Amino acid sequence: MTDLRIEQTPRPYADHHACCLYFAEGTCGKCAARCPVQAIDKTTGHEKEKCRMHLAASRHSVKETYRFEGYGCGLFPCETRIPVKAAREALERGELPPPPPPIA
């Protein structure tokens, strides 16, 4: 524990959906297609209880496989194969988007 004060990282957006192509433009939907338990739907959004149940059920397997107390499927929202609006805009400007992080 600490009482260290840390500056908040400024966000380049006001809404947590801003980088999502589906919410921004009605396109994409890759996250819904990749969700291992179909907890993301274009009409109903993120079904948090379905997601939570999957995370709880897979917790032991993650610990056994990766040897840490992990919690998450690793596929949403920041997996490398889910496009983001910033990358698409860079391509539209004729620029290359930054490379995806390496898959560990």
PDB file of N, CA and C in Angstrom:
ATOM      1  N   MET A   1       0.849  -1.170   0.000  1.00  0.00           N
ATOM      2  CA  MET A   1       0.000   0.000   0.000  1.00  0.00           C
ATOM      3  C   MET A   1       0.891   1.229   0.000  1.00  0.00           C
ATOM      4  N   THR A   2       0.337   2.281  -0.541  1.00  0.00           N
ATOM      5  CA  THR A   2       1.085   3.528  -0.615  1.00  0.00           C
ATOM      6  C   THR A   2       0.132   4.711  -0.561  1.00  0.00           C
ATOM      7  N   ASP A   3       0.699   5.839  -0.230  1.00  0.00           N
ATOM      8  CA  ASP A   3      -0.079   7.074  -0.301  1.00  0.00           C
ATOM      9  C   ASP A   3       0.453   7.968  -1.424  1.00  0.00           C
ATOM     10  N   LEU A   4       1.248   7.364  -2.319  1.00  0.00           N
ATOM     11  CA  LEU A   4       1.804   8.082  -3.456  1.00  0.00           C
ATOM     12  C   LEU A   4       0.687   8.577  -4.366  1.00  0.00           C
ATOM     13  N   ARG A   5       0.755   9.849  -4.711  1.00  0.00           N
ATOM     14  CA  ARG A   5      -0.228  10.415  -5.631  1.00  0.00           C
ATOM     15  C   ARG A   5       0.302  10.254  -7.048  1.00  0.00           C
ATOM     16  N   ILE A   6      -0.496   9.692  -7.909  1.00  0.00           N
ATOM     17  CA  ILE A   6      -0.110   9.439  -9.292  1.00  0.00           C
ATOM     18  C   ILE A   6      -1.013  10.254 -10.198  1.00  0.00           C
ATOM     19  N   GLU A   7      -0.395  10.953 -11.147  1.00  0.00           N
ATOM     20  CA  GLU A   7      -1.163  11.746 -12.102  1.00  0.00           C
ATOM     21  C   GLU A   7      -2.002  10.832 -12.988  1.00  0.00           C
ATOM     22  N   GLN A   8      -3.215  11.241 -13.256  1.00  0.00           N
ATOM     23  CA  GLN A   8      -4.085  10.485 -14.151  1.00  0.00           C
ATOM     24  C   GLN A   8      -3.580  10.609 -15.577  1.00  0.00           C
ATOM     25  N   THR A   9      -3.562   9.491 -16.294  1.00  0.00           N
ATOM     26  CA  THR A   9      -3.158   9.504 -17.693  1.00  0.00           C
ATOM     27  C   THR A   9      -4.265  10.149 -18.516  1.00  0.00           C
ATOM     28  N   PRO A  10      -3.950  11.202 -19.262  1.00  0.00           N
ATOM     29  CA  PRO A  10      -4.989  11.825 -20.088  1.00  0.00           C
ATOM     30  C   PRO A  10      -5.468  10.858 -21.174  1.00  0.00           C
ATOM     31  N   ARG A  11      -6.741  10.809 -21.399  1.00  0.00           N
ATOM     32  CA  ARG A  11      -7.315   9.947 -22.428  1.00  0.00           C
ATOM     33  C   ARG A  11      -7.643  10.788 -23.658  1.00  0.00           C
ATOM     34  N   PRO A  12      -7.361  10.264 -24.849  1.00  0.00           N
ATOM     35  CA  PRO A  12      -7.664  11.020 -26.066  1.00  0.00           C
ATOM     36  C   PRO A  12      -9.124  10.884 -26.489  1.00  0.00           C
ATOM     37  N   TYR A  13      -9.980  10.421 -25.594  1.00  0.00           N
ATOM     38  CA  TYR A  13     -11.386  10.206 -25.908  1.00  0.00           C
ATOM     39  C   TYR A  13     -12.214  10.451 -24.653  1.00  0.00           C
ATOM     40  N   ALA A  14     -13.486  10.705 -24.829  1.00  0.00           N
ATOM     41  CA  ALA A  14     -14.370  10.965 -23.700  1.00  0.00           C
ATOM     42  C   ALA A  14     -15.221   9.754 -23.344  1.00  0.00           C
ATOM     43  N   ASP A  15     -15.363   8.825 -24.268  1.00  0.00           N
ATOM     44  CA  ASP A  15     -16.228   7.665 -24.083  1.00  0.00           C
ATOM     45  C   ASP A  15     -15.413   6.390 -24.289  1.00  0.00           C
ATOM     46  N   HIS A  16     -15.597   5.388 -23.436  1.00  0.00           N
ATOM     47  CA  HIS A  16     -14.815   4.154 -23.553  1.00  0.00           C
ATOM     48  C   HIS A  16     -15.139   3.372 -24.827  1.00  0.00           C
ATOM     49  N   HIS A  17     -16.192   3.743 -25.538  1.00  0.00           N
ATOM     50  CA  HIS A  17     -16.513   3.097 -26.816  1.00  0.00           C
ATOM     51  C   HIS A  17     -15.832   3.785 -28.006  1.00  0.00           C
ATOM     52  N   ALA A  18     -15.127   4.882 -27.772  1.00  0.00           N
ATOM     53  CA  ALA A  18     -14.600   5.708 -28.862  1.00  0.00           C
ATOM     54  C   ALA A  18     -13.671   4.958 -29.812  1.00  0.00           C
ATOM     55  N   CYS A  19     -12.931   3.984 -29.334  1.00  0.00           N
ATOM     56  CA  CYS A  19     -12.005   3.244 -30.199  1.00  0.00           C
ATOM     57  C   CYS A  19     -12.667   2.040 -30.857  1.00  0.00           C
ATOM     58  N   CYS A  20     -13.907   1.786 -30.563  1.00  0.00           N
ATOM     59  CA  CYS A  20     -14.626   0.633 -31.109  1.00  0.00           C
ATOM     60  C   CYS A  20     -15.277   1.013 -32.440  1.00  0.00           C
ATOM     61  N   LEU A  21     -14.889   0.311 -33.504  1.00  0.00           N
ATOM     62  CA  LEU A  21     -15.450   0.611 -34.825  1.00  0.00           C
ATOM     63  C   LEU A  21     -16.951   0.358 -34.884  1.00  0.00           C
ATOM     64  N   TYR A  22     -17.436  -0.631 -34.145  1.00  0.00           N
ATOM     65  CA  TYR A  22     -18.872  -0.913 -34.181  1.00  0.00           C
ATOM     66  C   TYR A  22     -19.662   0.249 -33.577  1.00  0.00           C
ATOM     67  N   PHE A  23     -19.261   0.722 -32.397  1.00  0.00           N
ATOM     68  CA  PHE A  23     -19.984   1.822 -31.758  1.00  0.00           C
ATOM     69  C   PHE A  23     -19.754   3.147 -32.475  1.00  0.00           C
ATOM     70  N   ALA A  24     -18.558   3.339 -33.033  1.00  0.00           N
ATOM     71  CA  ALA A  24     -18.255   4.602 -33.709  1.00  0.00           C
ATOM     72  C   ALA A  24     -18.907   4.698 -35.081  1.00  0.00           C
ATOM     73  N   GLU A  25     -18.930   3.564 -35.820  1.00  0.00           N
ATOM     74  CA  GLU A  25     -19.371   3.624 -37.211  1.00  0.00           C
ATOM     75  C   GLU A  25     -20.361   2.541 -37.616  1.00  0.00           C
ATOM     76  N   GLY A  26     -20.688   1.644 -36.697  1.00  0.00           N
ATOM     77  CA  GLY A  26     -21.605   0.555 -37.042  1.00  0.00           C
ATOM     78  C   GLY A  26     -20.966  -0.534 -37.884  1.00  0.00           C
ATOM     79  N   THR A  27     -19.649  -0.572 -37.919  1.00  0.00           N
ATOM     80  CA  THR A  27     -18.932  -1.579 -38.703  1.00  0.00           C
ATOM     81  C   THR A  27     -18.175  -2.519 -37.780  1.00  0.00           C
ATOM     82  N   CYS A  28     -17.561  -3.513 -38.324  1.00  0.00           N
ATOM     83  CA  CYS A  28     -16.659  -4.432 -37.636  1.00  0.00           C
ATOM     84  C   CYS A  28     -17.415  -5.547 -36.916  1.00  0.00           C
ATOM     85  N   GLY A  29     -17.368  -5.610 -35.595  1.00  0.00           N
ATOM     86  CA  GLY A  29     -17.993  -6.698 -34.851  1.00  0.00           C
ATOM     87  C   GLY A  29     -17.062  -7.875 -34.606  1.00  0.00           C
ATOM     88  N   LYS A  30     -15.756  -7.675 -34.815  1.00  0.00           N
ATOM     89  CA  LYS A  30     -14.789  -8.764 -34.630  1.00  0.00           C
ATOM     90  C   LYS A  30     -14.797  -9.299 -33.201  1.00  0.00           C
ATOM     91  N   CYS A  31     -14.972  -8.438 -32.226  1.00  0.00           N
ATOM     92  CA  CYS A  31     -14.951  -8.895 -30.837  1.00  0.00           C
ATOM     93  C   CYS A  31     -16.097  -9.866 -30.570  1.00  0.00           C
ATOM     94  N   ALA A  32     -17.276  -9.600 -31.145  1.00  0.00           N
ATOM     95  CA  ALA A  32     -18.418 -10.504 -30.970  1.00  0.00           C
ATOM     96  C   ALA A  32     -18.123 -11.860 -31.589  1.00  0.00           C
ATOM     97  N   ALA A  33     -17.483 -11.855 -32.747  1.00  0.00           N
ATOM     98  CA  ALA A  33     -17.156 -13.116 -33.414  1.00  0.00           C
ATOM     99  C   ALA A  33     -16.093 -13.901 -32.658  1.00  0.00           C
ATOM    100  N   ARG A  34     -15.182 -13.214 -31.959  1.00  0.00           N
ATOM    101  CA  ARG A  34     -14.077 -13.879 -31.269  1.00  0.00           C
ATOM    102  C   ARG A  34     -14.389 -14.291 -29.839  1.00  0.00           C
ATOM    103  N   CYS A  35     -15.447 -13.798 -29.260  1.00  0.00           N
ATOM    104  CA  CYS A  35     -15.743 -14.114 -27.860  1.00  0.00           C
ATOM    105  C   CYS A  35     -15.973 -15.613 -27.697  1.00  0.00           C
ATOM    106  N   PRO A  36     -15.208 -16.267 -26.812  1.00  0.00           N
ATOM    107  CA  PRO A  36     -15.314 -17.720 -26.676  1.00  0.00           C
ATOM    108  C   PRO A  36     -16.646 -18.209 -26.111  1.00  0.00           C
ATOM    109  N   VAL A  37     -17.413 -17.336 -25.482  1.00  0.00           N
ATOM    110  CA  VAL A  37     -18.692 -17.766 -24.899  1.00  0.00           C
ATOM    111  C   VAL A  37     -19.873 -16.938 -25.402  1.00  0.00           C
ATOM    112  N   GLN A  38     -19.683 -16.242 -26.521  1.00  0.00           N
ATOM    113  CA  GLN A  38     -20.724 -15.409 -27.120  1.00  0.00           C
ATOM    114  C   GLN A  38     -21.339 -14.437 -26.107  1.00  0.00           C
ATOM    115  N   ALA A  39     -20.475 -13.809 -25.303  1.00  0.00           N
ATOM    116  CA  ALA A  39     -20.941 -12.844 -24.310  1.00  0.00           C
ATOM    117  C   ALA A  39     -20.989 -11.425 -24.871  1.00  0.00           C
ATOM    118  N   ILE A  40     -20.633 -11.272 -26.144  1.00  0.00           N
ATOM    119  CA  ILE A  40     -20.680  -9.963 -26.795  1.00  0.00           C
ATOM    120  C   ILE A  40     -21.597 -10.086 -27.998  1.00  0.00           C
ATOM    121  N   ASP A  41     -22.614  -9.243 -28.032  1.00  0.00           N
ATOM    122  CA  ASP A  41     -23.602  -9.310 -29.092  1.00  0.00           C
ATOM    123  C   ASP A  41     -23.836  -7.906 -29.633  1.00  0.00           C
ATOM    124  N   LYS A  42     -24.013  -7.783 -30.941  1.00  0.00           N
ATOM    125  CA  LYS A  42     -24.201  -6.463 -31.549  1.00  0.00           C
ATOM    126  C   LYS A  42     -25.476  -5.773 -31.079  1.00  0.00           C
ATOM    127  N   THR A  43     -26.489  -6.533 -30.690  1.00  0.00           N
ATOM    128  CA  THR A  43     -27.745  -5.909 -30.270  1.00  0.00           C
ATOM    129  C   THR A  43     -27.831  -5.723 -28.760  1.00  0.00           C
ATOM    130  N   THR A  44     -27.318  -6.687 -27.988  1.00  0.00           N
ATOM    131  CA  THR A  44     -27.435  -6.593 -26.531  1.00  0.00           C
ATOM    132  C   THR A  44     -26.180  -6.069 -25.858  1.00  0.00           C
ATOM    133  N   GLY A  45     -25.072  -5.987 -26.595  1.00  0.00           N
ATOM    134  CA  GLY A  45     -23.826  -5.486 -26.014  1.00  0.00           C
ATOM    135  C   GLY A  45     -23.060  -6.576 -25.289  1.00  0.00           C
ATOM    136  N   HIS A  46     -22.398  -6.186 -24.209  1.00  0.00           N
ATOM    137  CA  HIS A  46     -21.558  -7.101 -23.440  1.00  0.00           C
ATOM    138  C   HIS A  46     -22.385  -7.707 -22.306  1.00  0.00           C
ATOM    139  N   GLU A  47     -22.631  -9.000 -22.391  1.00  0.00           N
ATOM    140  CA  GLU A  47     -23.386  -9.693 -21.346  1.00  0.00           C
ATOM    141  C   GLU A  47     -22.415 -10.043 -20.225  1.00  0.00           C
ATOM    142  N   LYS A  48     -22.309  -9.150 -19.270  1.00  0.00           N
ATOM    143  CA  LYS A  48     -21.298  -9.245 -18.226  1.00  0.00           C
ATOM    144  C   LYS A  48     -21.432 -10.498 -17.357  1.00  0.00           C
ATOM    145  N   GLU A  49     -22.634 -10.948 -17.083  1.00  0.00           N
ATOM    146  CA  GLU A  49     -22.800 -12.142 -16.250  1.00  0.00           C
ATOM    147  C   GLU A  49     -22.306 -13.390 -16.977  1.00  0.00           C
ATOM    148  N   LYS A  50     -22.603 -13.505 -18.256  1.00  0.00           N
ATOM    149  CA  LYS A  50     -22.117 -14.641 -19.046  1.00  0.00           C
ATOM    150  C   LYS A  50     -20.587 -14.630 -19.086  1.00  0.00           C
ATOM    151  N   CYS A  51     -20.016 -13.467 -19.255  1.00  0.00           N
ATOM    152  CA  CYS A  51     -18.566 -13.295 -19.271  1.00  0.00           C
ATOM    153  C   CYS A  51     -17.974 -13.669 -17.906  1.00  0.00           C
ATOM    154  N   ARG A  52     -18.567 -13.164 -16.842  1.00  0.00           N
ATOM    155  CA  ARG A  52     -18.079 -13.442 -15.491  1.00  0.00           C
ATOM    156  C   ARG A  52     -18.095 -14.928 -15.189  1.00  0.00           C
ATOM    157  N   MET A  53     -19.146 -15.622 -15.620  1.00  0.00           N
ATOM    158  CA  MET A  53     -19.240 -17.065 -15.380  1.00  0.00           C
ATOM    159  C   MET A  53     -18.113 -17.807 -16.104  1.00  0.00           C
ATOM    160  N   HIS A  54     -17.804 -17.386 -17.325  1.00  0.00           N
ATOM    161  CA  HIS A  54     -16.706 -18.011 -18.067  1.00  0.00           C
ATOM    162  C   HIS A  54     -15.367 -17.754 -17.377  1.00  0.00           C
ATOM    163  N   LEU A  55     -15.154 -16.522 -16.940  1.00  0.00           N
ATOM    164  CA  LEU A  55     -13.900 -16.186 -16.272  1.00  0.00           C
ATOM    165  C   LEU A  55     -13.726 -16.992 -14.989  1.00  0.00           C
ATOM    166  N   ALA A  56     -14.792 -17.117 -14.218  1.00  0.00           N
ATOM    167  CA  ALA A  56     -14.718 -17.893 -12.979  1.00  0.00           C
ATOM    168  C   ALA A  56     -14.434 -19.361 -13.272  1.00  0.00           C
ATOM    169  N   ALA A  57     -15.058 -19.899 -14.307  1.00  0.00           N
ATOM    170  CA  ALA A  57     -14.866 -21.311 -14.649  1.00  0.00           C
ATOM    171  C   ALA A  57     -13.471 -21.589 -15.201  1.00  0.00           C
ATOM    172  N   SER A  58     -12.867 -20.615 -15.859  1.00  0.00           N
ATOM    173  CA  SER A  58     -11.563 -20.843 -16.491  1.00  0.00           C
ATOM    174  C   SER A  58     -10.385 -20.440 -15.611  1.00  0.00           C
ATOM    175  N   ARG A  59     -10.657 -19.902 -14.456  1.00  0.00           N
ATOM    176  CA  ARG A  59      -9.597 -19.407 -13.573  1.00  0.00           C
ATOM    177  C   ARG A  59      -8.580 -20.485 -13.212  1.00  0.00           C
ATOM    178  N   HIS A  60      -9.055 -21.655 -12.850  1.00  0.00           N
ATOM    179  CA  HIS A  60      -8.163 -22.753 -12.455  1.00  0.00           C
ATOM    180  C   HIS A  60      -7.287 -23.173 -13.630  1.00  0.00           C
ATOM    181  N   SER A  61      -7.885 -23.270 -14.800  1.00  0.00           N
ATOM    182  CA  SER A  61      -7.137 -23.666 -15.996  1.00  0.00           C
ATOM    183  C   SER A  61      -6.038 -22.659 -16.326  1.00  0.00           C
ATOM    184  N   VAL A  62      -6.327 -21.373 -16.181  1.00  0.00           N
ATOM    185  CA  VAL A  62      -5.324 -20.340 -16.440  1.00  0.00           C
ATOM    186  C   VAL A  62      -4.165 -20.496 -15.465  1.00  0.00           C
ATOM    187  N   LYS A  63      -4.480 -20.730 -14.190  1.00  0.00           N
ATOM    188  CA  LYS A  63      -3.426 -20.890 -13.183  1.00  0.00           C
ATOM    189  C   LYS A  63      -2.575 -22.122 -13.484  1.00  0.00           C
ATOM    190  N   GLU A  64      -3.202 -23.229 -13.835  1.00  0.00           N
ATOM    191  CA  GLU A  64      -2.471 -24.461 -14.151  1.00  0.00           C
ATOM    192  C   GLU A  64      -1.607 -24.298 -15.399  1.00  0.00           C
ATOM    193  N   THR A  65      -2.147 -23.674 -16.420  1.00  0.00           N
ATOM    194  CA  THR A  65      -1.450 -23.548 -17.703  1.00  0.00           C
ATOM    195  C   THR A  65      -0.344 -22.512 -17.668  1.00  0.00           C
ATOM    196  N   TYR A  66      -0.640 -21.337 -17.116  1.00  0.00           N
ATOM    197  CA  TYR A  66       0.303 -20.222 -17.196  1.00  0.00           C
ATOM    198  C   TYR A  66       1.014 -19.924 -15.885  1.00  0.00           C
ATOM    199  N   ARG A  67       0.654 -20.614 -14.821  1.00  0.00           N
ATOM    200  CA  ARG A  67       1.298 -20.482 -13.513  1.00  0.00           C
ATOM    201  C   ARG A  67       1.168 -19.085 -12.898  1.00  0.00           C
ATOM    202  N   PHE A  68       0.024 -18.482 -13.079  1.00  0.00           N
ATOM    203  CA  PHE A  68      -0.250 -17.227 -12.391  1.00  0.00           C
ATOM    204  C   PHE A  68      -1.750 -17.101 -12.182  1.00  0.00           C
ATOM    205  N   GLU A  69      -2.121 -16.226 -11.278  1.00  0.00           N
ATOM    206  CA  GLU A  69      -3.532 -16.009 -10.963  1.00  0.00           C
ATOM    207  C   GLU A  69      -4.150 -15.098 -12.015  1.00  0.00           C
ATOM    208  N   GLY A  70      -4.317 -15.596 -13.196  1.00  0.00           N
ATOM    209  CA  GLY A  70      -4.892 -14.810 -14.279  1.00  0.00           C
ATOM    210  C   GLY A  70      -6.397 -14.729 -14.167  1.00  0.00           C
ATOM    211  N   TYR A  71      -6.933 -13.746 -14.794  1.00  0.00           N
ATOM    212  CA  TYR A  71      -8.378 -13.584 -14.786  1.00  0.00           C
ATOM    213  C   TYR A  71      -8.765 -12.851 -16.053  1.00  0.00           C
ATOM    214  N   GLY A  72      -9.155 -13.573 -17.061  1.00  0.00           N
ATOM    215  CA  GLY A  72      -9.556 -12.969 -18.315  1.00  0.00           C
ATOM    216  C   GLY A  72      -9.310 -13.902 -19.473  1.00  0.00           C
ATOM    217  N   CYS A  73     -10.068 -13.726 -20.540  1.00  0.00           N
ATOM    218  CA  CYS A  73      -9.905 -14.592 -21.708  1.00  0.00           C
ATOM    219  C   CYS A  73      -8.817 -14.073 -22.630  1.00  0.00           C
ATOM    220  N   GLY A  74      -8.426 -12.805 -22.498  1.00  0.00           N
ATOM    221  CA  GLY A  74      -7.377 -12.240 -23.334  1.00  0.00           C
ATOM    222  C   GLY A  74      -7.825 -11.898 -24.742  1.00  0.00           C
ATOM    223  N   LEU A  75      -9.097 -12.011 -25.034  1.00  0.00           N
ATOM    224  CA  LEU A  75      -9.575 -11.760 -26.390  1.00  0.00           C
ATOM    225  C   LEU A  75     -10.298 -10.434 -26.538  1.00  0.00           C
ATOM    226  N   PHE A  76     -10.737  -9.834 -25.441  1.00  0.00           N
ATOM    227  CA  PHE A  76     -11.511  -8.609 -25.526  1.00  0.00           C
ATOM    228  C   PHE A  76     -11.102  -7.684 -24.401  1.00  0.00           C
ATOM    229  N   PRO A  77     -10.903  -6.404 -24.611  1.00  0.00           N
ATOM    230  CA  PRO A  77     -11.045  -5.706 -25.874  1.00  0.00           C
ATOM    231  C   PRO A  77      -9.740  -5.502 -26.622  1.00  0.00           C
ATOM    232  N   CYS A  78      -8.597  -5.933 -26.057  1.00  0.00           N
ATOM    233  CA  CYS A  78      -7.324  -5.469 -26.610  1.00  0.00           C
ATOM    234  C   CYS A  78      -6.486  -6.548 -27.289  1.00  0.00           C
ATOM    235  N   GLU A  79      -7.081  -7.635 -27.709  1.00  0.00           N
ATOM    236  CA  GLU A  79      -6.308  -8.648 -28.431  1.00  0.00           C
ATOM    237  C   GLU A  79      -5.842  -8.066 -29.762  1.00  0.00           C
ATOM    238  N   THR A  80      -4.744  -8.554 -30.277  1.00  0.00           N
ATOM    239  CA  THR A  80      -4.113  -7.947 -31.450  1.00  0.00           C
ATOM    240  C   THR A  80      -4.950  -8.020 -32.712  1.00  0.00           C
ATOM    241  N   ARG A  81      -5.886  -8.956 -32.814  1.00  0.00           N
ATOM    242  CA  ARG A  81      -6.633  -9.098 -34.051  1.00  0.00           C
ATOM    243  C   ARG A  81      -7.935  -8.308 -34.079  1.00  0.00           C
ATOM    244  N   ILE A  82      -8.179  -7.484 -33.094  1.00  0.00           N
ATOM    245  CA  ILE A  82      -9.378  -6.658 -33.087  1.00  0.00           C
ATOM    246  C   ILE A  82      -8.975  -5.253 -33.532  1.00  0.00           C
ATOM    247  N   PRO A  83      -9.485  -4.800 -34.676  1.00  0.00           N
ATOM    248  CA  PRO A  83      -9.059  -3.491 -35.188  1.00  0.00           C
ATOM    249  C   PRO A  83      -9.568  -2.353 -34.314  1.00  0.00           C
ATOM    250  N   VAL A  84      -8.837  -1.291 -34.312  1.00  0.00           N
ATOM    251  CA  VAL A  84      -9.270  -0.113 -33.563  1.00  0.00           C
ATOM    252  C   VAL A  84      -9.382   1.067 -34.515  1.00  0.00           C
ATOM    253  N   LYS A  85     -10.175   2.001 -34.128  1.00  0.00           N
ATOM    254  CA  LYS A  85     -10.446   3.157 -34.974  1.00  0.00           C
ATOM    255  C   LYS A  85      -9.167   3.923 -35.317  1.00  0.00           C
ATOM    256  N   ALA A  86      -8.251   4.065 -34.363  1.00  0.00           N
ATOM    257  CA  ALA A  86      -7.024   4.822 -34.608  1.00  0.00           C
ATOM    258  C   ALA A  86      -6.199   4.202 -35.726  1.00  0.00           C
ATOM    259  N   ALA A  87      -6.115   2.881 -35.765  1.00  0.00           N
ATOM    260  CA  ALA A  87      -5.349   2.209 -36.817  1.00  0.00           C
ATOM    261  C   ALA A  87      -6.007   2.433 -38.176  1.00  0.00           C
ATOM    262  N   ARG A  88      -7.321   2.342 -38.199  1.00  0.00           N
ATOM    263  CA  ARG A  88      -8.035   2.556 -39.460  1.00  0.00           C
ATOM    264  C   ARG A  88      -7.860   3.986 -39.958  1.00  0.00           C
ATOM    265  N   GLU A  89      -7.933   4.951 -39.054  1.00  0.00           N
ATOM    266  CA  GLU A  89      -7.751   6.347 -39.442  1.00  0.00           C
ATOM    267  C   GLU A  89      -6.338   6.597 -39.962  1.00  0.00           C
ATOM    268  N   ALA A  90      -5.337   5.942 -39.359  1.00  0.00           N
ATOM    269  CA  ALA A  90      -3.960   6.085 -39.841  1.00  0.00           C
ATOM    270  C   ALA A  90      -3.855   5.589 -41.278  1.00  0.00           C
ATOM    271  N   LEU A  91      -4.468   4.466 -41.567  1.00  0.00           N
ATOM    272  CA  LEU A  91      -4.445   3.933 -42.926  1.00  0.00           C
ATOM    273  C   LEU A  91      -5.151   4.869 -43.899  1.00  0.00           C
ATOM    274  N   GLU A  92      -6.254   5.465 -43.466  1.00  0.00           N
ATOM    275  CA  GLU A  92      -6.977   6.405 -44.320  1.00  0.00           C
ATOM    276  C   GLU A  92      -6.146   7.646 -44.632  1.00  0.00           C
ATOM    277  N   ARG A  93      -5.247   8.021 -43.713  1.00  0.00           N
ATOM    278  CA  ARG A  93      -4.354   9.159 -43.946  1.00  0.00           C
ATOM    279  C   ARG A  93      -3.126   8.755 -44.762  1.00  0.00           C
ATOM    280  N   GLY A  94      -3.027   7.472 -45.113  1.00  0.00           N
ATOM    281  CA  GLY A  94      -1.877   6.988 -45.864  1.00  0.00           C
ATOM    282  C   GLY A  94      -0.691   6.654 -44.989  1.00  0.00           C
ATOM    283  N   GLU A  95      -0.923   6.545 -43.680  1.00  0.00           N
ATOM    284  CA  GLU A  95       0.143   6.215 -42.738  1.00  0.00           C
ATOM    285  C   GLU A  95       0.017   4.754 -42.324  1.00  0.00           C
ATOM    286  N   LEU A  96       1.118   4.184 -41.878  1.00  0.00           N
ATOM    287  CA  LEU A  96       1.068   2.826 -41.355  1.00  0.00           C
ATOM    288  C   LEU A  96       0.702   2.879 -39.883  1.00  0.00           C
ATOM    289  N   PRO A  97      -0.230   2.044 -39.440  1.00  0.00           N
ATOM    290  CA  PRO A  97      -0.539   2.000 -38.010  1.00  0.00           C
ATOM    291  C   PRO A  97       0.617   1.347 -37.275  1.00  0.00           C
ATOM    292  N   PRO A  98       0.721   1.579 -35.975  1.00  0.00           N
ATOM    293  CA  PRO A  98       1.791   0.926 -35.229  1.00  0.00           C
ATOM    294  C   PRO A  98       1.611  -0.587 -35.276  1.00  0.00           C
ATOM    295  N   PRO A  99       2.704  -1.333 -35.227  1.00  0.00           N
ATOM    296  CA  PRO A  99       2.575  -2.789 -35.266  1.00  0.00           C
ATOM    297  C   PRO A  99       1.896  -3.301 -34.001  1.00  0.00           C
ATOM    298  N   PRO A 100       1.194  -4.426 -34.083  1.00  0.00           N
ATOM    299  CA  PRO A 100       0.570  -4.978 -32.891  1.00  0.00           C
ATOM    300  C   PRO A 100       1.634  -5.479 -31.930  1.00  0.00           C
ATOM    301  N   PRO A 101       1.307  -5.529 -30.645  1.00  0.00           N
ATOM    302  CA  PRO A 101       2.278  -6.058 -29.689  1.00  0.00           C
ATOM    303  C   PRO A 101       2.512  -7.541 -29.954  1.00  0.00           C
ATOM    304  N   PRO A 102       3.665  -8.056 -29.567  1.00  0.00           N
ATOM    305  CA  PRO A 102       3.918  -9.481 -29.790  1.00  0.00           C
ATOM    306  C   PRO A 102       2.977 -10.337 -28.957  1.00  0.00           C
ATOM    307  N   ILE A 103       2.619 -11.473 -29.487  1.00  0.00           N
ATOM    308  CA  ILE A 103       1.770 -12.402 -28.747  1.00  0.00           C
ATOM    309  C   ILE A 103       2.665 -13.216 -27.834  1.00  0.00           C
ATOM    310  N   ALA A 104       2.426 -13.123 -26.548  1.00  0.00           N
ATOM    311  CA  ALA A 104       3.276 -13.815 -25.569  1.00  0.00           C
ATOM    312  C   ALA A 104       2.841 -15.241 -25.372  1.00  0.00           C
TER     313      ALA A 104
END
